[in-house]
Protein backbone atom coordinates (compact mmCIF):
# COMPACT_ATOMS: atom_id res chain seq x y z
CA UNK A 1 17.82 43.59 14.13
CA UNK A 2 20.75 42.37 16.22
CA UNK A 3 22.75 39.55 14.26
CA UNK A 4 21.28 36.75 17.31
CA UNK A 5 17.92 37.93 16.56
CA UNK A 6 18.07 37.85 13.13
CA UNK A 7 19.27 34.06 12.78
CA UNK A 8 16.26 33.38 15.90
CA UNK A 9 14.18 34.43 12.96
CA UNK A 10 15.35 32.76 10.61
CA UNK A 11 15.75 29.80 12.90
CA UNK A 12 11.57 29.83 13.26
CA UNK A 13 10.41 30.30 10.19
CA UNK A 14 12.37 27.47 8.60
CA UNK A 15 10.44 25.31 11.40
CA UNK A 16 7.83 26.54 9.91
CA UNK A 17 8.05 25.88 6.62
CA UNK A 18 9.47 21.85 6.93
CA UNK A 19 6.74 21.15 9.26
CA UNK A 20 4.47 22.58 6.31
CA UNK A 21 6.44 20.57 4.16
CA UNK A 22 7.01 17.50 6.10
CA UNK A 23 3.02 17.18 6.74
CA UNK A 24 2.85 17.48 2.48
CA UNK A 25 5.50 14.60 2.13
CA UNK A 26 3.71 12.14 4.17
CA UNK A 27 0.30 12.82 2.80
CA UNK A 28 1.61 11.70 -0.47
CA UNK A 29 3.77 9.29 0.73
CA UNK A 30 2.03 5.31 0.39
CA UNK A 31 1.35 5.23 4.38
CA UNK A 32 -2.00 7.15 5.99
CA UNK A 33 -0.94 9.70 7.91
CA UNK A 34 -2.25 8.79 11.82
CA UNK A 35 -2.42 12.05 14.32
CA UNK A 36 -3.71 11.42 17.57
CA UNK A 37 -5.34 14.09 19.15
CA UNK A 38 -3.15 16.04 22.16
CA UNK A 39 -5.28 17.72 24.09
CA UNK A 40 -1.97 19.66 26.03
CA UNK A 41 2.05 20.02 25.97
CA UNK A 42 2.35 16.77 27.66
CA UNK A 43 -0.03 14.54 25.16
CA UNK A 44 2.19 16.29 22.15
CA UNK A 45 5.22 15.42 24.05
CA UNK A 46 3.57 11.19 24.79
CA UNK A 47 2.34 11.45 20.80
CA UNK A 48 5.91 12.22 19.59
CA UNK A 49 7.83 9.53 22.21
CA UNK A 50 5.14 7.07 20.50
CA UNK A 51 6.55 7.55 17.30
CA UNK A 52 3.53 8.78 15.03
CA UNK A 53 4.17 11.02 12.15
CA UNK A 54 2.11 13.91 13.25
CA UNK A 55 -0.02 15.51 16.09
CA UNK A 56 -3.82 16.55 15.75
CA UNK A 57 -4.33 19.19 18.30
CA UNK A 58 -8.26 18.97 19.61
CA UNK A 59 -10.21 22.06 20.21
CA UNK A 60 -12.47 19.89 21.66
CA UNK A 61 -9.60 18.65 24.19
CA UNK A 62 -7.73 22.21 24.04
CA UNK A 63 -11.28 23.86 25.01
CA UNK A 64 -11.43 20.91 28.13
CA UNK A 65 -7.98 21.34 29.76
CA UNK A 66 -7.18 24.77 29.16
CA UNK A 67 -10.81 25.59 30.46
CA UNK A 68 -12.27 22.88 31.73
CA UNK A 69 -15.43 23.63 29.65
CA UNK A 70 -17.07 21.66 26.61
CA UNK A 71 -16.70 22.24 23.18
CA UNK A 72 -19.15 24.64 22.30
CA UNK A 73 -17.27 27.92 20.97
CA UNK A 74 -15.52 29.20 24.50
CA UNK A 75 -11.82 29.47 22.97
CA UNK A 76 -10.55 32.61 21.60
CA UNK A 77 -8.35 33.44 18.98
CA UNK A 78 -5.75 34.16 20.81
CA UNK A 79 -6.29 30.98 23.52
CA UNK A 80 -6.04 28.74 20.38
CA UNK A 81 -3.20 30.19 19.01
CA UNK A 82 -1.33 30.27 22.22
CA UNK A 83 -2.02 26.78 22.78
CA UNK A 84 -0.77 25.83 19.45
CA UNK A 85 2.66 27.48 19.65
CA UNK A 86 2.61 26.09 22.97
CA UNK A 87 2.75 22.12 21.23
CA UNK A 88 4.95 23.23 18.83
CA UNK A 89 7.24 24.99 20.73
CA UNK A 90 7.93 21.40 22.85
CA UNK A 91 7.64 18.84 19.32
CA UNK A 92 9.09 18.51 16.36
CA UNK A 93 6.69 16.45 14.20
CA UNK A 94 3.95 18.53 12.31
CA UNK A 95 0.63 19.42 14.11
CA UNK A 96 -2.67 19.97 12.27
CA UNK A 97 -4.10 22.34 14.34
CA UNK A 98 -8.49 23.03 15.01
CA UNK A 99 -9.06 26.28 13.80
CA UNK A 100 -12.81 26.53 14.66
CA UNK A 101 -14.51 29.03 12.06
CA UNK A 102 -11.56 31.91 12.00
CA UNK A 103 -13.01 33.66 14.87
CA UNK A 104 -15.33 35.97 12.78
CA UNK A 105 -15.34 37.98 9.49
CA UNK A 106 -13.42 38.23 6.95
CA UNK A 107 -10.30 40.12 8.74
CA UNK A 108 -10.32 38.15 12.10
CA UNK A 109 -10.06 35.12 9.77
CA UNK A 110 -7.06 36.88 8.06
CA UNK A 111 -5.27 37.40 10.95
CA UNK A 112 -5.89 33.97 12.49
CA UNK A 113 -4.30 32.14 9.54
CA UNK A 114 -1.10 34.59 9.97
CA UNK A 115 -1.91 34.01 14.23
CA UNK A 116 -1.52 29.92 12.94
CA UNK A 117 1.80 30.23 10.58
CA UNK A 118 3.71 32.45 13.30
CA UNK A 119 3.01 29.59 15.88
CA UNK A 120 4.44 27.42 13.38
CA UNK A 121 2.16 24.46 12.68
CA UNK A 122 1.64 22.56 9.60
CA UNK A 123 -1.97 23.01 8.96
CA UNK A 124 -5.01 24.00 10.20
CA UNK A 125 -8.99 23.22 9.48
CA UNK A 126 -11.59 25.67 9.46
CA UNK A 127 -15.12 24.51 9.22
CA UNK A 128 -18.11 25.87 7.96
CA UNK A 129 -20.57 26.49 11.14
CA UNK A 130 -22.47 29.17 12.26
CA UNK A 131 -21.73 30.62 15.54
CA UNK A 132 -22.03 30.13 18.08
CA UNK A 133 -20.69 26.74 17.01
CA UNK A 134 -20.44 23.41 18.59
CA UNK A 135 -18.43 20.16 18.67
CA UNK A 136 -19.13 18.35 15.32
CA UNK A 137 -20.31 15.18 17.44
CA UNK A 138 -23.17 17.24 19.02
CA UNK A 139 -26.26 18.23 17.38
CA UNK A 140 -27.86 21.45 16.61
CA UNK A 141 -25.11 22.67 14.34
CA UNK A 142 -26.09 25.86 11.82
CA UNK A 143 -24.58 25.38 8.67
CA UNK A 144 -23.03 28.46 6.85
CA UNK A 145 -24.49 28.62 2.97
CA UNK A 146 -21.71 26.84 0.77
CA UNK A 147 -21.26 29.63 -1.70
CA UNK A 148 -20.33 32.24 1.65
CA UNK A 149 -18.14 29.35 3.08
CA UNK A 150 -16.19 28.82 -0.50
CA UNK A 151 -15.19 32.54 -0.49
CA UNK A 152 -14.25 32.02 3.43
CA UNK A 153 -12.10 29.17 2.12
CA UNK A 154 -10.82 31.56 -0.02
CA UNK A 155 -9.73 34.36 2.18
CA UNK A 156 -7.74 31.47 4.00
CA UNK A 157 -5.74 31.07 1.37
CA UNK A 158 -4.70 34.19 0.43
CA UNK A 159 -3.88 35.18 4.11
CA UNK A 160 -1.02 32.35 3.80
CA UNK A 161 0.67 34.53 1.52
CA UNK A 162 3.39 32.51 0.57
CA UNK A 163 4.20 30.68 3.99
CA UNK A 164 3.26 26.75 3.44
CA UNK A 165 0.57 26.16 5.66
CA UNK A 166 -1.60 23.24 4.73
CA UNK A 167 -5.62 24.29 4.41
CA UNK A 168 -8.35 21.64 5.35
CA UNK A 169 -11.97 22.55 4.47
CA UNK A 170 -13.75 20.97 7.48
CA UNK A 171 -17.82 20.19 6.73
CA UNK A 172 -20.07 19.67 9.86
CA UNK A 173 -22.98 19.10 7.52
CA UNK A 174 -23.03 15.05 7.81
CA UNK A 175 -25.06 15.12 11.58
CA UNK A 176 -27.35 18.38 9.73
CA UNK A 177 -27.95 17.07 5.98
CA UNK A 178 -27.20 13.57 5.60
CA UNK A 179 -23.80 11.94 4.21
CA UNK A 180 -24.67 12.78 0.47
CA UNK A 181 -24.85 16.55 1.33
CA UNK A 182 -21.46 16.82 3.28
CA UNK A 183 -19.68 14.96 0.29
CA UNK A 184 -20.95 17.47 -1.44
CA UNK A 185 -20.15 19.81 0.30
CA UNK A 186 -16.64 18.62 0.82
CA UNK A 187 -16.10 18.46 -2.97
CA UNK A 188 -16.75 21.96 -3.73
CA UNK A 189 -15.03 23.01 -0.98
CA UNK A 190 -12.19 21.02 -2.97
CA UNK A 191 -12.33 22.99 -5.55
CA UNK A 192 -11.70 26.36 -4.00
CA UNK A 193 -7.71 24.75 -3.76
CA UNK A 194 -7.56 23.63 -0.15
CA UNK A 195 -5.19 20.98 0.34
CA UNK A 196 -7.55 18.90 2.55
CA UNK A 197 -11.54 18.46 3.29
CA UNK A 198 -12.67 16.65 6.16
CA UNK A 199 -16.35 15.50 6.83
CA UNK A 200 -16.68 15.85 10.42
CA UNK A 201 -19.12 13.52 12.58
CA UNK A 202 -18.89 10.71 11.28
CA UNK A 203 -20.04 7.71 13.59
CA UNK A 204 -20.79 4.85 10.76
CA UNK A 205 -18.78 2.56 9.25
CA UNK A 206 -21.26 2.99 6.36
CA UNK A 207 -20.51 6.90 6.34
CA UNK A 208 -17.16 6.54 6.24
CA UNK A 209 -16.95 4.09 3.55
CA UNK A 210 -19.10 6.79 1.15
CA UNK A 211 -16.59 9.32 1.96
CA UNK A 212 -13.53 7.51 1.25
CA UNK A 213 -14.85 6.11 -1.85
CA UNK A 214 -16.63 9.37 -3.21
CA UNK A 215 -14.35 11.53 -2.58
CA UNK A 216 -11.48 11.91 -4.75
CA UNK A 217 -9.48 14.45 -3.24
CA UNK A 218 -6.63 14.06 0.04
CA UNK A 219 -9.63 13.55 3.11
CA UNK A 220 -9.88 13.44 6.82
CA UNK A 221 -11.20 11.20 9.00
CA UNK A 222 -11.73 11.54 12.26
CA UNK A 223 -12.30 8.78 14.76
CA UNK A 224 -13.84 9.31 18.05
CA UNK A 225 -13.93 6.59 20.57
CA UNK A 226 -17.36 5.19 21.30
CA UNK A 227 -18.79 5.33 17.69
CA UNK A 228 -18.69 2.72 15.46
CA UNK A 229 -15.98 3.99 13.72
CA UNK A 230 -13.82 3.31 16.44
CA UNK A 231 -13.98 -0.22 15.47
CA UNK A 232 -11.84 0.99 11.97
CA UNK A 233 -8.22 0.27 12.57
CA UNK A 234 -5.78 3.34 10.95
CA UNK A 235 -4.87 0.24 7.85
CA UNK A 236 -9.31 0.29 7.46
CA UNK A 237 -9.15 3.92 7.19
CA UNK A 238 -5.86 3.78 4.69
CA UNK A 239 -8.52 1.03 2.82
CA UNK A 240 -11.28 3.27 2.60
CA UNK A 241 -9.54 5.79 1.17
CA UNK A 242 -8.65 8.49 3.75
CA UNK A 243 -5.41 10.86 3.56
CA UNK A 244 -4.85 11.50 7.12
CA UNK A 245 -6.52 9.55 9.83
CA UNK A 246 -7.11 11.42 13.60
CA UNK A 247 -7.75 9.84 16.69
CA UNK A 248 -9.08 13.23 18.51
CA UNK A 249 -10.15 12.31 21.55
CA UNK A 250 -8.36 9.73 22.33
CA UNK A 251 -5.18 10.39 24.98
CA UNK A 252 -7.52 12.58 26.99
CA UNK A 253 -10.27 9.82 27.32
CA UNK A 254 -7.52 7.90 28.83
CA UNK A 255 -6.24 10.81 30.95
CA UNK A 256 -9.47 11.60 32.41
CA UNK A 257 -9.88 7.51 33.37
CA UNK A 258 -6.77 7.07 34.73
CA UNK A 259 -7.35 10.14 37.05
CA UNK A 260 -10.83 9.35 38.56
CA UNK A 261 -9.30 5.75 38.99
CA UNK A 262 -6.52 6.68 40.85
CA UNK A 263 -8.67 9.73 42.45
CA UNK A 264 -11.17 6.79 43.70
CA UNK A 265 -8.27 4.63 45.16
CA UNK A 266 -7.27 7.27 47.18
CA UNK A 267 -10.44 8.51 48.39
CA UNK A 268 -11.65 4.72 49.24
CA UNK A 269 -8.22 3.63 50.54
CA UNK A 270 -6.15 6.38 51.51
CA UNK A 271 -3.14 5.19 48.84
CA UNK A 272 -2.27 4.62 45.54
CA UNK A 273 0.00 1.70 45.74
CA UNK A 274 -2.65 -0.23 44.52
CA UNK A 275 -2.80 2.25 41.07
CA UNK A 276 1.56 1.90 40.67
CA UNK A 277 1.13 -0.28 37.76
CA UNK A 278 -1.29 2.07 35.74
CA UNK A 279 1.38 5.29 37.02
CA UNK A 280 4.15 6.35 35.02
CA UNK A 281 7.28 6.79 37.76
CA UNK A 282 8.94 10.28 38.10
CA UNK A 283 11.82 8.94 36.03
CA UNK A 284 10.02 8.22 33.17
CA UNK A 285 7.36 11.24 33.15
CA UNK A 286 11.24 13.36 33.65
CA UNK A 287 12.40 11.36 30.51
CA UNK A 288 9.43 12.54 28.43
CA UNK A 289 9.81 15.85 29.53
CA UNK A 290 13.45 16.10 28.82
CA UNK A 291 15.07 16.76 32.30
CA UNK A 292 18.19 15.48 31.13
CA UNK A 293 18.71 18.35 28.75
CA UNK A 294 17.96 20.92 31.33
CA UNK A 295 20.00 19.20 33.73
CA UNK A 296 23.02 19.89 31.42
CA UNK A 297 22.42 23.15 30.26
CA UNK A 298 21.97 23.87 34.46
CA UNK A 299 25.72 22.15 34.93
CA UNK A 300 27.27 24.06 32.26
CA UNK A 301 25.95 27.12 32.14
CA UNK A 302 25.03 27.87 35.61
């Protein structure tokens, strides 16, 4: 291996380790980690620009932005890992990535963990659904056996092979078996040695309170706009006992609504001037994209 290739490899591995360590330190700190959901690379850049400590790579958002399809398990492992890698490339803060069910059997899961490690994300979450999987906010979810999923999680932990990737055990049992059963599953998953647990599909404040109160282990809360939980603030989630709070769809829903409004205005009036106050300028988005850096490289070496 050439010297410059070796240095690049070391830089990549260092960034992987530091991302996970940074997230672990943030979780252990007194303040809750707020990680808005990014659906693509520009939304990831915007989350970092806004000053958040972490990014959540939404599987729903990935499916919508890359395929234009609902979150019904259409994304493949390579597509999701590639999506994660693209986000890591343009940001400097830890990314918590959706890894669905691991995309197959135990060997597939092992490869999935290795692919995400190499992408540079700080953490992944793995869910206890049977295939075909569905968005946690939807009905029709079929659950894996608890013992089987615990073995699944142990495979993921083993697949880290010394790399400091955080593993989050997600259960989708809330909408199928109820809150108490979901809490019990989360507690069982915590016993495997994972780093955090995540009860998905929380739609009521009462369920959020029960989960935060009864699980004495680092725990994730997902707040989805349109549910009662959207009334909760980040501080509320912290007071309930959660360690990480994600707003998985807020950026995506804001973007689609903004585009829809602009297109309706353009269609109706033939122009967009009435929407100017709701749109970034060319200069603003160029700053987010770090255009000045690339112009400097071009001027220096071009």
